[in-house]
Structure formats: structure tokens, C-alpha cells
Amino acid sequence: MEDRDQRIYEEAAALWQEVFGEPPPVRADGRTLLDIITRSLGDTSYERLRSPYLRPSTIVGPGQPRDNARLR
């Protein structure tokens, strides 16, 4: 289990570096670092269904008709 915790810490420390441009100021576990990062970012809206990386034909959600032509 220590290997897993170490990998999580390394990923969280790398994310901290990307977000804040400096190494983490404290030696904390990965879970704590991720908690601090997510609390500091603030609220942002994210609408996955309007992503420029998805084509409308690949999005199917509740209330949307399915493309039966693709099923044949």
C-alpha cells in the first residue's frame, strides 16, 4: 500500500507544480495536497457536452434521439 500512496503523492506534487509553479510548500500526503489544490482553484463551470473536442454526433444523453443509422 505504501507504493500506491507514494505514487499518489508524486502525482499530487506534480499537479501542485503545474498549478502553482513551485514545489509543494509542505510535506503532506497526496490526499492533503489534492484537497488543498482543489479548494484553492475556485468554482468554474464545465459543460462537457459543449466541448470543442466532441462531435455532436457522438453525444447521446437523456432526451436526445439516438442515431439509428449508426446501429444498422
N, C-alpha and C. Protein backbone atom coordinates (compact mmCIF):
# COMPACT_ATOMS: atom_id res chain seq x y z
N MET A 1 0.81 -1.20 0.00
CA MET A 1 0.00 0.00 0.00
C MET A 1 0.86 1.27 0.00
N GLU A 2 2.07 1.18 0.48
CA GLU A 2 2.93 2.36 0.52
C GLU A 2 3.30 2.82 -0.89
N ASP A 3 3.49 1.88 -1.82
CA ASP A 3 3.79 2.25 -3.20
C ASP A 3 2.66 3.08 -3.80
N ARG A 4 1.43 2.67 -3.53
CA ARG A 4 0.26 3.40 -4.04
C ARG A 4 0.23 4.81 -3.46
N ASP A 5 0.43 4.93 -2.16
CA ASP A 5 0.42 6.23 -1.51
C ASP A 5 1.54 7.12 -2.05
N GLN A 6 2.69 6.53 -2.31
CA GLN A 6 3.81 7.28 -2.86
C GLN A 6 3.50 7.78 -4.27
N ARG A 7 2.88 6.94 -5.08
CA ARG A 7 2.51 7.36 -6.44
C ARG A 7 1.49 8.49 -6.41
N ILE A 8 0.52 8.38 -5.50
CA ILE A 8 -0.48 9.45 -5.37
C ILE A 8 0.19 10.75 -4.96
N TYR A 9 1.13 10.67 -4.00
CA TYR A 9 1.85 11.87 -3.58
C TYR A 9 2.63 12.47 -4.74
N GLU A 10 3.32 11.65 -5.51
CA GLU A 10 4.11 12.15 -6.62
C GLU A 10 3.24 12.84 -7.67
N GLU A 11 2.08 12.25 -7.96
CA GLU A 11 1.16 12.87 -8.92
C GLU A 11 0.61 14.18 -8.37
N ALA A 12 0.26 14.20 -7.09
CA ALA A 12 -0.27 15.42 -6.48
C ALA A 12 0.80 16.51 -6.44
N ALA A 13 2.03 16.14 -6.13
CA ALA A 13 3.12 17.12 -6.11
C ALA A 13 3.38 17.67 -7.51
N ALA A 14 3.30 16.84 -8.54
CA ALA A 14 3.47 17.29 -9.92
C ALA A 14 2.34 18.23 -10.32
N LEU A 15 1.12 17.91 -9.91
CA LEU A 15 -0.02 18.78 -10.19
C LEU A 15 0.16 20.12 -9.48
N TRP A 16 0.61 20.09 -8.23
CA TRP A 16 0.87 21.32 -7.48
C TRP A 16 1.87 22.19 -8.26
N GLN A 17 2.93 21.57 -8.75
CA GLN A 17 3.96 22.28 -9.50
C GLN A 17 3.35 22.95 -10.73
N GLU A 18 2.47 22.24 -11.45
CA GLU A 18 1.85 22.79 -12.64
C GLU A 18 0.89 23.93 -12.32
N VAL A 19 0.13 23.77 -11.25
CA VAL A 19 -0.88 24.77 -10.90
C VAL A 19 -0.25 26.03 -10.32
N PHE A 20 0.68 25.86 -9.38
CA PHE A 20 1.22 27.00 -8.65
C PHE A 20 2.62 27.43 -9.10
N GLY A 21 3.27 26.63 -9.95
CA GLY A 21 4.58 27.00 -10.45
C GLY A 21 5.71 26.87 -9.44
N GLU A 22 5.50 26.11 -8.41
CA GLU A 22 6.53 25.89 -7.38
C GLU A 22 6.27 24.56 -6.70
N PRO A 23 7.26 24.00 -6.06
CA PRO A 23 7.05 22.72 -5.37
C PRO A 23 6.11 22.91 -4.17
N PRO A 24 5.48 21.84 -3.73
CA PRO A 24 4.59 21.96 -2.56
C PRO A 24 5.35 22.51 -1.36
N PRO A 25 4.76 23.45 -0.62
CA PRO A 25 5.46 24.07 0.50
C PRO A 25 5.59 23.17 1.73
N VAL A 26 4.73 22.19 1.82
CA VAL A 26 4.75 21.31 2.99
C VAL A 26 4.83 19.87 2.55
N ARG A 27 5.41 19.05 3.36
CA ARG A 27 5.43 17.62 3.09
C ARG A 27 4.15 17.03 3.68
N ALA A 28 3.17 16.86 2.84
CA ALA A 28 1.90 16.29 3.26
C ALA A 28 1.63 15.08 2.38
N ASP A 29 0.66 14.30 2.76
CA ASP A 29 0.33 13.16 1.91
C ASP A 29 -0.41 13.64 0.66
N GLY A 30 -0.53 12.76 -0.31
CA GLY A 30 -1.15 13.12 -1.58
C GLY A 30 -2.57 13.58 -1.43
N ARG A 31 -3.32 12.94 -0.58
CA ARG A 31 -4.72 13.31 -0.37
C ARG A 31 -4.84 14.75 0.12
N THR A 32 -3.97 15.15 1.05
CA THR A 32 -4.00 16.50 1.58
C THR A 32 -3.62 17.51 0.51
N LEU A 33 -2.59 17.19 -0.28
CA LEU A 33 -2.20 18.10 -1.36
C LEU A 33 -3.33 18.29 -2.37
N LEU A 34 -3.99 17.20 -2.74
CA LEU A 34 -5.10 17.30 -3.69
C LEU A 34 -6.24 18.12 -3.11
N ASP A 35 -6.50 17.97 -1.82
CA ASP A 35 -7.55 18.74 -1.16
C ASP A 35 -7.22 20.23 -1.21
N ILE A 36 -5.99 20.59 -0.91
CA ILE A 36 -5.59 21.99 -0.94
C ILE A 36 -5.69 22.55 -2.36
N ILE A 37 -5.24 21.78 -3.34
CA ILE A 37 -5.30 22.24 -4.73
C ILE A 37 -6.74 22.49 -5.16
N THR A 38 -7.61 21.54 -4.92
CA THR A 38 -8.99 21.69 -5.39
C THR A 38 -9.73 22.80 -4.65
N ARG A 39 -9.42 23.02 -3.39
CA ARG A 39 -10.08 24.12 -2.66
C ARG A 39 -9.59 25.48 -3.12
N SER A 40 -8.36 25.57 -3.60
CA SER A 40 -7.81 26.86 -3.99
C SER A 40 -8.20 27.28 -5.40
N LEU A 41 -8.69 26.37 -6.21
CA LEU A 41 -8.99 26.69 -7.60
C LEU A 41 -10.27 27.47 -7.79
N GLY A 42 -11.21 27.38 -6.88
CA GLY A 42 -12.47 28.08 -7.04
C GLY A 42 -13.41 27.33 -7.96
N ASP A 43 -14.60 27.86 -8.07
CA ASP A 43 -15.63 27.22 -8.89
C ASP A 43 -15.52 27.68 -10.34
N THR A 44 -15.55 26.74 -11.24
CA THR A 44 -15.58 27.04 -12.66
C THR A 44 -16.64 26.16 -13.30
N SER A 45 -17.28 26.69 -14.30
CA SER A 45 -18.29 25.89 -14.98
C SER A 45 -17.62 25.00 -16.02
N TYR A 46 -18.18 23.85 -16.21
CA TYR A 46 -17.65 22.91 -17.19
C TYR A 46 -18.83 22.18 -17.80
N GLU A 47 -19.00 22.38 -19.08
CA GLU A 47 -20.08 21.73 -19.79
C GLU A 47 -19.46 20.76 -20.79
N ARG A 48 -19.35 19.50 -20.39
CA ARG A 48 -18.69 18.52 -21.24
C ARG A 48 -19.40 18.34 -22.58
N LEU A 49 -20.70 18.47 -22.58
CA LEU A 49 -21.44 18.25 -23.81
C LEU A 49 -21.21 19.36 -24.83
N ARG A 50 -20.59 20.43 -24.42
CA ARG A 50 -20.29 21.51 -25.35
C ARG A 50 -18.79 21.62 -25.59
N SER A 51 -18.09 20.58 -25.37
CA SER A 51 -16.65 20.57 -25.56
C SER A 51 -16.31 20.67 -27.05
N PRO A 52 -15.32 21.48 -27.40
CA PRO A 52 -14.93 21.56 -28.81
C PRO A 52 -14.27 20.28 -29.30
N TYR A 53 -13.96 19.37 -28.39
CA TYR A 53 -13.29 18.12 -28.76
C TYR A 53 -14.26 16.99 -29.04
N LEU A 54 -15.56 17.23 -28.86
CA LEU A 54 -16.56 16.20 -29.13
C LEU A 54 -17.44 16.63 -30.29
N ARG A 55 -17.72 15.69 -31.17
CA ARG A 55 -18.66 15.96 -32.26
C ARG A 55 -20.08 15.75 -31.73
N PRO A 56 -21.02 16.56 -32.18
CA PRO A 56 -22.41 16.38 -31.73
C PRO A 56 -22.95 14.99 -32.01
N SER A 57 -22.45 14.34 -33.06
CA SER A 57 -22.95 13.00 -33.40
C SER A 57 -22.50 11.94 -32.39
N THR A 58 -21.49 12.23 -31.57
CA THR A 58 -21.02 11.24 -30.61
C THR A 58 -21.62 11.44 -29.23
N ILE A 59 -22.46 12.47 -29.08
CA ILE A 59 -23.05 12.77 -27.78
C ILE A 59 -24.48 12.27 -27.75
N VAL A 60 -24.79 11.40 -26.81
CA VAL A 60 -26.15 10.93 -26.60
C VAL A 60 -26.44 11.05 -25.12
N GLY A 61 -27.49 11.72 -24.79
CA GLY A 61 -27.85 11.89 -23.40
C GLY A 61 -29.35 11.73 -23.22
N PRO A 62 -29.82 11.88 -22.01
CA PRO A 62 -31.26 11.77 -21.77
C PRO A 62 -32.04 12.78 -22.60
N GLY A 63 -33.07 12.32 -23.23
CA GLY A 63 -33.92 13.20 -24.01
C GLY A 63 -33.41 13.49 -25.40
N GLN A 64 -32.27 12.90 -25.78
CA GLN A 64 -31.76 13.10 -27.13
C GLN A 64 -32.05 11.86 -27.96
N PRO A 65 -32.49 12.05 -29.19
CA PRO A 65 -32.77 10.88 -30.03
C PRO A 65 -31.47 10.17 -30.41
N ARG A 66 -31.53 8.88 -30.48
CA ARG A 66 -30.35 8.09 -30.90
C ARG A 66 -30.27 8.10 -32.40
N ASP A 67 -29.11 7.98 -32.91
CA ASP A 67 -28.87 7.90 -34.34
C ASP A 67 -29.00 6.44 -34.75
N ASN A 68 -30.19 6.03 -35.21
CA ASN A 68 -30.44 4.64 -35.56
C ASN A 68 -29.65 4.20 -36.78
N ALA A 69 -29.23 5.14 -37.59
CA ALA A 69 -28.46 4.77 -38.78
C ALA A 69 -27.13 4.16 -38.40
N ARG A 70 -26.56 4.59 -37.29
CA ARG A 70 -25.28 4.03 -36.86
C ARG A 70 -25.43 2.62 -36.30
N LEU A 71 -26.62 2.26 -35.87
CA LEU A 71 -26.84 0.95 -35.25
C LEU A 71 -27.04 -0.14 -36.29
N ARG A 72 -27.28 0.22 -37.52
CA ARG A 72 -27.57 -0.78 -38.56
C ARG A 72 -26.33 -1.31 -39.17
